[in-house]
Amino acid sequence: DPSALGDNEYEYRGNTYTKTDYTILSKRGFLLQCSFYQLNITTRSSYIMPVIIYLHGNSSSRVEGAKMKYEFFKKGINLFVFDFAGCGHSEGEYISLGYHEQDDVRVVVNFVEKLPGVGSIGLWGRSMGAATTMLYAHKDPRVSAICMDSPFAEFRRLAKEMCLNVIKIPDFLLEGAINLVKSTVKKKNGLDIDKLRPIDCAAKTTIPAIFIHAEADELISYEHTFELCEAYMGEKTVKYCLGFHNSPRPKKILDE
């Protein structure tokens, strides 16, 4: 429901904030629906402000990021959110868990950096959005900092783990099933699931980063984040917290 994105203008802690909606054309020709939450330019004491671009998870939308706007406003940061192709109100039939989403991020960054009053740009991704962040960030020097909440290290391994959580089958049967899925996905979406390996990008990335993962995550085990953080070449912090994949993160971690 678009009403979940909030009003176009509202007051918070004595300041006026605005929401402006945009439509951006993706590299693959899909219209991406976006919203920009910012301190009203006409009332800013400082014209230039940093912006976080929030990358939502699978089966989600920009509403996920919009719910966090006040956390960013408290720190003097504006927020840009968008629906990945195949999600929310954006066009597209399929997602690709980061593979094509990288291209969506590039066109969004290209758009955001040209908006008035935009300073440094950071990426905050969760789940699919976190994997996308890792796949993308090392390729764009305009990104100043990144936060990755619940990323996966490699998709084939994640697929195996999720299957084995449901049913115990011999490895050769599981490999055969995944290869069948790989072929189907390739035909429908142009995605080679074996190229979904954020771990390969960790050693290429030197942007300051923070990793977040819930210890009882039932979808993506915290070992994925541990391995990504170990391989990561930039300044890094990792925070583990109580809860599950979609549990609210503790305020202390959000503040950091």
C-alpha atoms as a PDB file:
ATOM      1  CA  ASP A   1       0.000   0.000   0.000  1.00  0.00           C
ATOM      2  CA  PRO A   2       1.601   3.323  -1.046  1.00  0.00           C
ATOM      3  CA  SER A   3       0.236   4.935   2.124  1.00  0.00           C
ATOM      4  CA  ALA A   4       2.849   2.918   4.035  1.00  0.00           C
ATOM      5  CA  LEU A   5       5.462   5.284   2.581  1.00  0.00           C
ATOM      6  CA  GLY A   6       4.034   8.168   4.633  1.00  0.00           C
ATOM      7  CA  ASP A   7       3.060  11.730   3.841  1.00  0.00           C
ATOM      8  CA  ASN A   8       4.895  14.012   1.437  1.00  0.00           C
ATOM      9  CA  GLU A   9       5.662  16.493   4.233  1.00  0.00           C
ATOM     10  CA  TYR A  10       5.807  16.067   7.994  1.00  0.00           C
ATOM     11  CA  GLU A  11       7.415  17.395  11.154  1.00  0.00           C
ATOM     12  CA  TYR A  12       9.985  15.549  13.224  1.00  0.00           C
ATOM     13  CA  ARG A  13      11.844  16.979  16.221  1.00  0.00           C
ATOM     14  CA  GLY A  14      11.029  20.507  15.176  1.00  0.00           C
ATOM     15  CA  ASN A  15      12.209  20.089  11.588  1.00  0.00           C
ATOM     16  CA  THR A  16      10.273  19.773   8.343  1.00  0.00           C
ATOM     17  CA  TYR A  17      10.974  16.712   6.209  1.00  0.00           C
ATOM     18  CA  THR A  18       9.747  15.929   2.725  1.00  0.00           C
ATOM     19  CA  LYS A  19       9.152  12.757   0.710  1.00  0.00           C
ATOM     20  CA  THR A  20       9.556  13.014  -3.034  1.00  0.00           C
ATOM     21  CA  ASP A  21       8.705  10.085  -5.299  1.00  0.00           C
ATOM     22  CA  TYR A  22      10.657   9.374  -8.483  1.00  0.00           C
ATOM     23  CA  THR A  23      10.575   6.861 -11.319  1.00  0.00           C
ATOM     24  CA  ILE A  24      13.904   5.711 -12.792  1.00  0.00           C
ATOM     25  CA  LEU A  25      14.503   3.568 -15.877  1.00  0.00           C
ATOM     26  CA  SER A  26      16.713   0.545 -15.157  1.00  0.00           C
ATOM     27  CA  LYS A  27      19.415  -0.855 -17.416  1.00  0.00           C
ATOM     28  CA  ARG A  28      17.052  -3.695 -18.370  1.00  0.00           C
ATOM     29  CA  GLY A  29      14.246  -1.286 -19.285  1.00  0.00           C
ATOM     30  CA  PHE A  30      12.121  -1.613 -16.130  1.00  0.00           C
ATOM     31  CA  LEU A  31      10.649   1.401 -14.339  1.00  0.00           C
ATOM     32  CA  LEU A  32      11.908   1.520 -10.737  1.00  0.00           C
ATOM     33  CA  GLN A  33       9.765   3.303  -8.152  1.00  0.00           C
ATOM     34  CA  CYS A  34      11.709   5.356  -5.619  1.00  0.00           C
ATOM     35  CA  SER A  35      11.200   7.719  -2.670  1.00  0.00           C
ATOM     36  CA  PHE A  36      13.597  10.305  -1.224  1.00  0.00           C
ATOM     37  CA  TYR A  37      13.195  11.352   2.421  1.00  0.00           C
ATOM     38  CA  GLN A  38      15.123  14.469   3.312  1.00  0.00           C
ATOM     39  CA  LEU A  39      15.323  17.476   5.572  1.00  0.00           C
ATOM     40  CA  ASN A  40      13.595  20.324   3.752  1.00  0.00           C
ATOM     41  CA  ILE A  41      16.279  22.040   1.681  1.00  0.00           C
ATOM     42  CA  THR A  42      14.873  25.506   2.368  1.00  0.00           C
ATOM     43  CA  THR A  43      15.280  25.070   6.138  1.00  0.00           C
ATOM     44  CA  ARG A  44      18.692  23.369   6.265  1.00  0.00           C
ATOM     45  CA  SER A  45      21.516  25.035   8.145  1.00  0.00           C
ATOM     46  CA  SER A  46      23.893  23.039   5.927  1.00  0.00           C
ATOM     47  CA  TYR A  47      22.833  22.616   2.315  1.00  0.00           C
ATOM     48  CA  ILE A  48      24.851  19.436   1.639  1.00  0.00           C
ATOM     49  CA  MET A  49      23.889  16.286   3.537  1.00  0.00           C
ATOM     50  CA  PRO A  50      24.932  12.628   3.301  1.00  0.00           C
ATOM     51  CA  VAL A  51      22.448  10.125   1.874  1.00  0.00           C
ATOM     52  CA  ILE A  52      21.921   6.441   2.573  1.00  0.00           C
ATOM     53  CA  ILE A  53      20.476   4.351  -0.262  1.00  0.00           C
ATOM     54  CA  TYR A  54      18.616   1.450   1.337  1.00  0.00           C
ATOM     55  CA  LEU A  55      18.544  -1.903  -0.497  1.00  0.00           C
ATOM     56  CA  HIS A  56      15.652  -4.073   0.679  1.00  0.00           C
ATOM     57  CA  GLY A  57      15.483  -7.841   1.022  1.00  0.00           C
ATOM     58  CA  ASN A  58      13.744 -10.617  -0.898  1.00  0.00           C
ATOM     59  CA  SER A  59       9.906 -10.537  -0.886  1.00  0.00           C
ATOM     60  CA  SER A  60      10.045  -6.961   0.339  1.00  0.00           C
ATOM     61  CA  SER A  61       9.946  -3.364  -0.899  1.00  0.00           C
ATOM     62  CA  ARG A  62      11.158   0.176  -0.198  1.00  0.00           C
ATOM     63  CA  VAL A  63       8.689   0.322   2.711  1.00  0.00           C
ATOM     64  CA  GLU A  64      11.268  -1.756   4.615  1.00  0.00           C
ATOM     65  CA  GLY A  65      13.797   1.069   4.386  1.00  0.00           C
ATOM     66  CA  ALA A  66      11.220   3.830   4.843  1.00  0.00           C
ATOM     67  CA  LYS A  67      10.411   2.470   8.306  1.00  0.00           C
ATOM     68  CA  MET A  68      13.989   3.319   9.337  1.00  0.00           C
ATOM     69  CA  LYS A  69      13.955   6.957   8.212  1.00  0.00           C
ATOM     70  CA  TYR A  70      13.910   8.389  11.725  1.00  0.00           C
ATOM     71  CA  GLU A  71      17.017   6.396  12.649  1.00  0.00           C
ATOM     72  CA  PHE A  72      18.856   8.188   9.850  1.00  0.00           C
ATOM     73  CA  PHE A  73      17.313  11.602  10.527  1.00  0.00           C
ATOM     74  CA  LYS A  74      18.628  11.463  14.106  1.00  0.00           C
ATOM     75  CA  LYS A  75      22.148  11.272  12.659  1.00  0.00           C
ATOM     76  CA  GLY A  76      21.681  14.036  10.093  1.00  0.00           C
ATOM     77  CA  ILE A  77      21.413  11.627   7.157  1.00  0.00           C
ATOM     78  CA  ASN A  78      18.811  11.659   4.382  1.00  0.00           C
ATOM     79  CA  LEU A  79      17.340   8.425   3.012  1.00  0.00           C
ATOM     80  CA  PHE A  80      16.678   7.193  -0.526  1.00  0.00           C
ATOM     81  CA  VAL A  81      14.668   3.993  -0.966  1.00  0.00           C
ATOM     82  CA  PHE A  82      13.516   2.122  -4.052  1.00  0.00           C
ATOM     83  CA  ASP A  83      11.791  -1.082  -5.139  1.00  0.00           C
ATOM     84  CA  PHE A  84      14.124  -3.466  -6.959  1.00  0.00           C
ATOM     85  CA  ALA A  85      12.859  -4.680 -10.337  1.00  0.00           C
ATOM     86  CA  GLY A  86      10.310  -7.424  -9.706  1.00  0.00           C
ATOM     87  CA  CYS A  87       9.461  -6.021  -6.259  1.00  0.00           C
ATOM     88  CA  GLY A  88       7.003  -3.551  -4.795  1.00  0.00           C
ATOM     89  CA  HIS A  89       5.599  -1.215  -7.430  1.00  0.00           C
ATOM     90  CA  SER A  90       8.579  -1.472  -9.812  1.00  0.00           C
ATOM     91  CA  GLU A  91       8.244  -3.287 -13.103  1.00  0.00           C
ATOM     92  CA  GLY A  92       9.715  -6.729 -13.711  1.00  0.00           C
ATOM     93  CA  GLU A  93       8.693 -10.318 -13.138  1.00  0.00           C
ATOM     94  CA  TYR A  94      11.693 -11.861 -11.383  1.00  0.00           C
ATOM     95  CA  ILE A  95      14.348 -11.077  -8.817  1.00  0.00           C
ATOM     96  CA  SER A  96      17.884 -12.461  -8.970  1.00  0.00           C
ATOM     97  CA  LEU A  97      19.116 -12.080  -5.359  1.00  0.00           C
ATOM     98  CA  GLY A  98      21.767  -9.527  -6.317  1.00  0.00           C
ATOM     99  CA  TYR A  99      22.859 -10.561  -9.822  1.00  0.00           C
ATOM    100  CA  HIS A 100      20.729  -8.091 -11.822  1.00  0.00           C
ATOM    101  CA  GLU A 101      20.027  -5.927  -8.777  1.00  0.00           C
ATOM    102  CA  GLN A 102      23.608  -4.610  -9.032  1.00  0.00           C
ATOM    103  CA  ASP A 103      22.562  -2.824 -12.212  1.00  0.00           C
ATOM    104  CA  ASP A 104      19.530  -1.329 -10.467  1.00  0.00           C
ATOM    105  CA  VAL A 105      21.847   0.083  -7.806  1.00  0.00           C
ATOM    106  CA  ARG A 106      24.096   1.741 -10.384  1.00  0.00           C
ATOM    107  CA  VAL A 107      21.253   3.626 -12.076  1.00  0.00           C
ATOM    108  CA  VAL A 108      19.961   4.688  -8.655  1.00  0.00           C
ATOM    109  CA  VAL A 109      23.393   5.973  -7.559  1.00  0.00           C
ATOM    110  CA  ASN A 110      23.706   7.803 -10.898  1.00  0.00           C
ATOM    111  CA  PHE A 111      20.356   9.464 -10.196  1.00  0.00           C
ATOM    112  CA  VAL A 112      20.905  10.249  -6.511  1.00  0.00           C
ATOM    113  CA  GLU A 113      24.291  11.924  -6.931  1.00  0.00           C
ATOM    114  CA  LYS A 114      22.683  14.520  -9.230  1.00  0.00           C
ATOM    115  CA  LEU A 115      19.943  15.503  -6.758  1.00  0.00           C
ATOM    116  CA  PRO A 116      20.385  18.906  -5.077  1.00  0.00           C
ATOM    117  CA  GLY A 117      21.947  18.858  -1.632  1.00  0.00           C
ATOM    118  CA  VAL A 118      23.413  15.333  -1.866  1.00  0.00           C
ATOM    119  CA  GLY A 119      26.817  14.856  -0.294  1.00  0.00           C
ATOM    120  CA  SER A 120      28.482  11.528   0.404  1.00  0.00           C
ATOM    121  CA  ILE A 121      26.575   8.341  -0.453  1.00  0.00           C
ATOM    122  CA  GLY A 122      26.358   5.128   1.560  1.00  0.00           C
ATOM    123  CA  LEU A 123      24.587   1.814   0.955  1.00  0.00           C
ATOM    124  CA  TRP A 124      22.617  -0.101   3.586  1.00  0.00           C
ATOM    125  CA  GLY A 125      21.479  -3.520   2.430  1.00  0.00           C
ATOM    126  CA  ARG A 126      19.536  -6.270   4.155  1.00  0.00           C
ATOM    127  CA  SER A 127      19.524  -9.934   3.073  1.00  0.00           C
ATOM    128  CA  MET A 128      19.227  -9.816  -0.735  1.00  0.00           C
ATOM    129  CA  GLY A 129      20.090  -6.127  -0.493  1.00  0.00           C
ATOM    130  CA  ALA A 130      23.155  -6.931   1.618  1.00  0.00           C
ATOM    131  CA  ALA A 131      24.403  -9.456  -0.959  1.00  0.00           C
ATOM    132  CA  THR A 132      23.775  -6.859  -3.673  1.00  0.00           C
ATOM    133  CA  THR A 133      25.788  -4.320  -1.692  1.00  0.00           C
ATOM    134  CA  MET A 134      28.756  -6.681  -1.517  1.00  0.00           C
ATOM    135  CA  LEU A 135      28.532  -7.522  -5.220  1.00  0.00           C
ATOM    136  CA  TYR A 136      28.366  -3.843  -6.200  1.00  0.00           C
ATOM    137  CA  ALA A 137      30.321  -1.647  -3.799  1.00  0.00           C
ATOM    138  CA  HIS A 138      33.868  -2.423  -4.958  1.00  0.00           C
ATOM    139  CA  LYS A 139      32.974  -1.247  -8.474  1.00  0.00           C
ATOM    140  CA  ASP A 140      31.847   2.264  -7.539  1.00  0.00           C
ATOM    141  CA  PRO A 141      34.216   4.765  -5.877  1.00  0.00           C
ATOM    142  CA  ARG A 142      31.284   7.094  -5.205  1.00  0.00           C
ATOM    143  CA  VAL A 143      30.125   4.808  -2.377  1.00  0.00           C
ATOM    144  CA  SER A 144      31.694   6.042   0.879  1.00  0.00           C
ATOM    145  CA  ALA A 145      30.494   3.450   3.390  1.00  0.00           C
ATOM    146  CA  ILE A 146      28.346   0.328   3.509  1.00  0.00           C
ATOM    147  CA  CYS A 147      26.223  -1.632   5.970  1.00  0.00           C
ATOM    148  CA  MET A 148      25.337  -5.258   5.272  1.00  0.00           C
ATOM    149  CA  ASP A 149      22.680  -6.929   7.396  1.00  0.00           C
ATOM    150  CA  SER A 150      22.399 -10.713   6.881  1.00  0.00           C
ATOM    151  CA  PRO A 151      24.300 -11.209   3.615  1.00  0.00           C
ATOM    152  CA  PHE A 152      25.002 -14.633   2.125  1.00  0.00           C
ATOM    153  CA  ALA A 153      28.490 -15.622   0.982  1.00  0.00           C
ATOM    154  CA  GLU A 154      27.517 -17.806  -2.000  1.00  0.00           C
ATOM    155  CA  PHE A 155      24.111 -18.805  -3.303  1.00  0.00           C
ATOM    156  CA  ARG A 156      24.705 -22.477  -4.178  1.00  0.00           C
ATOM    157  CA  ARG A 157      25.841 -23.137  -0.627  1.00  0.00           C
ATOM    158  CA  LEU A 158      22.858 -21.213   0.764  1.00  0.00           C
ATOM    159  CA  ALA A 159      20.463 -23.209  -1.419  1.00  0.00           C
ATOM    160  CA  LYS A 160      21.929 -26.463  -0.096  1.00  0.00           C
ATOM    161  CA  GLU A 161      21.667 -25.313   3.498  1.00  0.00           C
ATOM    162  CA  MET A 162      18.052 -24.237   3.096  1.00  0.00           C
ATOM    163  CA  CYS A 163      17.134 -27.557   1.472  1.00  0.00           C
ATOM    164  CA  LEU A 164      18.869 -29.595   4.152  1.00  0.00           C
ATOM    165  CA  ASN A 165      17.017 -27.658   6.842  1.00  0.00           C
ATOM    166  CA  VAL A 166      13.803 -29.098   5.433  1.00  0.00           C
ATOM    167  CA  ILE A 167      14.780 -32.612   4.305  1.00  0.00           C
ATOM    168  CA  LYS A 168      17.877 -34.781   4.584  1.00  0.00           C
ATOM    169  CA  ILE A 169      18.863 -36.146   1.181  1.00  0.00           C
ATOM    170  CA  PRO A 170      22.135 -37.433  -0.295  1.00  0.00           C
ATOM    171  CA  ASP A 171      24.456 -34.736  -1.614  1.00  0.00           C
ATOM    172  CA  PHE A 172      24.443 -36.083  -5.188  1.00  0.00           C
ATOM    173  CA  LEU A 173      20.647 -35.826  -5.339  1.00  0.00           C
ATOM    174  CA  LEU A 174      20.754 -32.315  -3.929  1.00  0.00           C
ATOM    175  CA  GLU A 175      23.383 -31.244  -6.468  1.00  0.00           C
ATOM    176  CA  GLY A 176      21.252 -32.668  -9.263  1.00  0.00           C
ATOM    177  CA  ALA A 177      18.181 -30.795  -8.068  1.00  0.00           C
ATOM    178  CA  ILE A 178      20.087 -27.513  -7.793  1.00  0.00           C
ATOM    179  CA  ASN A 179      21.526 -27.967 -11.277  1.00  0.00           C
ATOM    180  CA  LEU A 180      17.994 -28.463 -12.603  1.00  0.00           C
ATOM    181  CA  VAL A 181      16.895 -25.267 -10.880  1.00  0.00           C
ATOM    182  CA  LYS A 182      19.985 -23.515 -12.243  1.00  0.00           C
ATOM    183  CA  SER A 183      18.979 -24.392 -15.800  1.00  0.00           C
ATOM    184  CA  THR A 184      15.395 -23.199 -15.304  1.00  0.00           C
ATOM    185  CA  VAL A 185      16.462 -19.919 -13.692  1.00  0.00           C
ATOM    186  CA  LYS A 186      18.985 -19.274 -16.459  1.00  0.00           C
ATOM    187  CA  LYS A 187      16.268 -19.609 -19.122  1.00  0.00           C
ATOM    188  CA  LYS A 188      13.767 -17.379 -17.326  1.00  0.00           C
ATOM    189  CA  ASN A 189      15.971 -14.712 -15.843  1.00  0.00           C
ATOM    190  CA  GLY A 190      19.405 -14.889 -17.483  1.00  0.00           C
ATOM    191  CA  LEU A 191      20.927 -15.612 -14.074  1.00  0.00           C
ATOM    192  CA  ASP A 192      23.737 -18.081 -13.513  1.00  0.00           C
ATOM    193  CA  ILE A 193      23.312 -18.920  -9.835  1.00  0.00           C
ATOM    194  CA  ASP A 194      26.956 -19.985  -9.588  1.00  0.00           C
ATOM    195  CA  LYS A 195      27.947 -16.356 -10.218  1.00  0.00           C
ATOM    196  CA  LEU A 196      26.088 -15.294  -7.087  1.00  0.00           C
ATOM    197  CA  ARG A 197      29.204 -15.318  -4.915  1.00  0.00           C
ATOM    198  CA  PRO A 198      29.526 -12.152  -2.817  1.00  0.00           C
ATOM    199  CA  ILE A 199      32.499 -13.810  -1.080  1.00  0.00           C
ATOM    200  CA  ASP A 200      34.526 -13.243  -4.269  1.00  0.00           C
ATOM    201  CA  CYS A 201      33.998  -9.481  -3.920  1.00  0.00           C
ATOM    202  CA  ALA A 202      34.934  -9.198  -0.241  1.00  0.00           C
ATOM    203  CA  ALA A 203      38.676  -9.211  -0.920  1.00  0.00           C
ATOM    204  CA  LYS A 204      38.204  -6.513  -3.587  1.00  0.00           C
ATOM    205  CA  THR A 205      36.356  -4.072  -1.349  1.00  0.00           C
ATOM    206  CA  THR A 206      38.103  -1.461   0.816  1.00  0.00           C
ATOM    207  CA  ILE A 207      35.170   0.804   1.735  1.00  0.00           C
ATOM    208  CA  PRO A 208      34.508   1.108   5.505  1.00  0.00           C
ATOM    209  CA  ALA A 209      31.834  -1.448   6.370  1.00  0.00           C
ATOM    210  CA  ILE A 210      29.692  -2.770   9.178  1.00  0.00           C
ATOM    211  CA  PHE A 211      28.229  -6.280   9.129  1.00  0.00           C
ATOM    212  CA  ILE A 212      25.125  -7.282  11.104  1.00  0.00           C
ATOM    213  CA  HIS A 213      23.688 -10.757  11.632  1.00  0.00           C
ATOM    214  CA  ALA A 214      21.222 -12.377  14.016  1.00  0.00           C
ATOM    215  CA  GLU A 215      22.648 -15.434  15.749  1.00  0.00           C
ATOM    216  CA  ALA A 216      19.448 -17.485  15.340  1.00  0.00           C
ATOM    217  CA  ASP A 217      18.866 -16.529  11.697  1.00  0.00           C
ATOM    218  CA  GLU A 218      16.805 -19.378  10.257  1.00  0.00           C
ATOM    219  CA  LEU A 219      17.375 -18.483   6.577  1.00  0.00           C
ATOM    220  CA  ILE A 220      21.024 -17.413   6.313  1.00  0.00           C
ATOM    221  CA  SER A 221      23.378 -18.691   8.993  1.00  0.00           C
ATOM    222  CA  TYR A 222      25.686 -16.202  10.672  1.00  0.00           C
ATOM    223  CA  GLU A 223      28.663 -18.188   9.341  1.00  0.00           C
ATOM    224  CA  HIS A 224      28.076 -16.466   5.982  1.00  0.00           C
ATOM    225  CA  THR A 225      28.674 -13.060   7.549  1.00  0.00           C
ATOM    226  CA  PHE A 226      31.638 -14.383   9.536  1.00  0.00           C
ATOM    227  CA  GLU A 227      33.353 -15.602   6.350  1.00  0.00           C
ATOM    228  CA  LEU A 228      32.571 -12.423   4.433  1.00  0.00           C
ATOM    229  CA  CYS A 229      33.956 -10.294   7.244  1.00  0.00           C
ATOM    230  CA  GLU A 230      37.098 -12.418   7.479  1.00  0.00           C
ATOM    231  CA  ALA A 231      37.749 -11.960   3.752  1.00  0.00           C
ATOM    232  CA  TYR A 232      36.832  -8.266   3.699  1.00  0.00           C
ATOM    233  CA  MET A 233      39.787  -5.981   2.982  1.00  0.00           C
ATOM    234  CA  GLY A 234      38.442  -2.637   4.195  1.00  0.00           C
ATOM    235  CA  GLU A 235      37.953  -1.195   7.658  1.00  0.00           C
ATOM    236  CA  LYS A 236      35.222  -3.355   9.178  1.00  0.00           C
ATOM    237  CA  THR A 237      33.050  -3.994  12.188  1.00  0.00           C
ATOM    238  CA  VAL A 238      30.805  -7.001  12.757  1.00  0.00           C
ATOM    239  CA  LYS A 239      27.864  -7.068  15.158  1.00  0.00           C
ATOM    240  CA  TYR A 240      25.965 -10.219  16.055  1.00  0.00           C
ATOM    241  CA  CYS A 241      22.654  -9.863  17.834  1.00  0.00           C
ATOM    242  CA  LEU A 242      19.830 -11.964  19.243  1.00  0.00           C
ATOM    243  CA  GLY A 243      16.871 -12.773  17.049  1.00  0.00           C
ATOM    244  CA  PHE A 244      16.002 -14.218  13.668  1.00  0.00           C
ATOM    245  CA  HIS A 245      16.355 -13.187  10.024  1.00  0.00           C
ATOM    246  CA  ASN A 246      13.535 -10.630  10.149  1.00  0.00           C
ATOM    247  CA  SER A 247      13.759  -9.627  13.795  1.00  0.00           C
ATOM    248  CA  PRO A 248      14.090  -5.911  14.595  1.00  0.00           C
ATOM    249  CA  ARG A 249      17.724  -5.022  15.215  1.00  0.00           C
ATOM    250  CA  PRO A 250      18.679  -3.650  18.647  1.00  0.00           C
ATOM    251  CA  LYS A 251      18.752   0.142  18.892  1.00  0.00           C
ATOM    252  CA  LYS A 252      22.398   0.056  20.009  1.00  0.00           C
ATOM    253  CA  ILE A 253      23.417  -1.673  16.774  1.00  0.00           C
ATOM    254  CA  LEU A 254      21.318   0.661  14.613  1.00  0.00           C
ATOM    255  CA  ASP A 255      22.917   3.658  16.325  1.00  0.00           C
ATOM    256  CA  GLU A 256      26.403   2.341  15.606  1.00  0.00           C
END
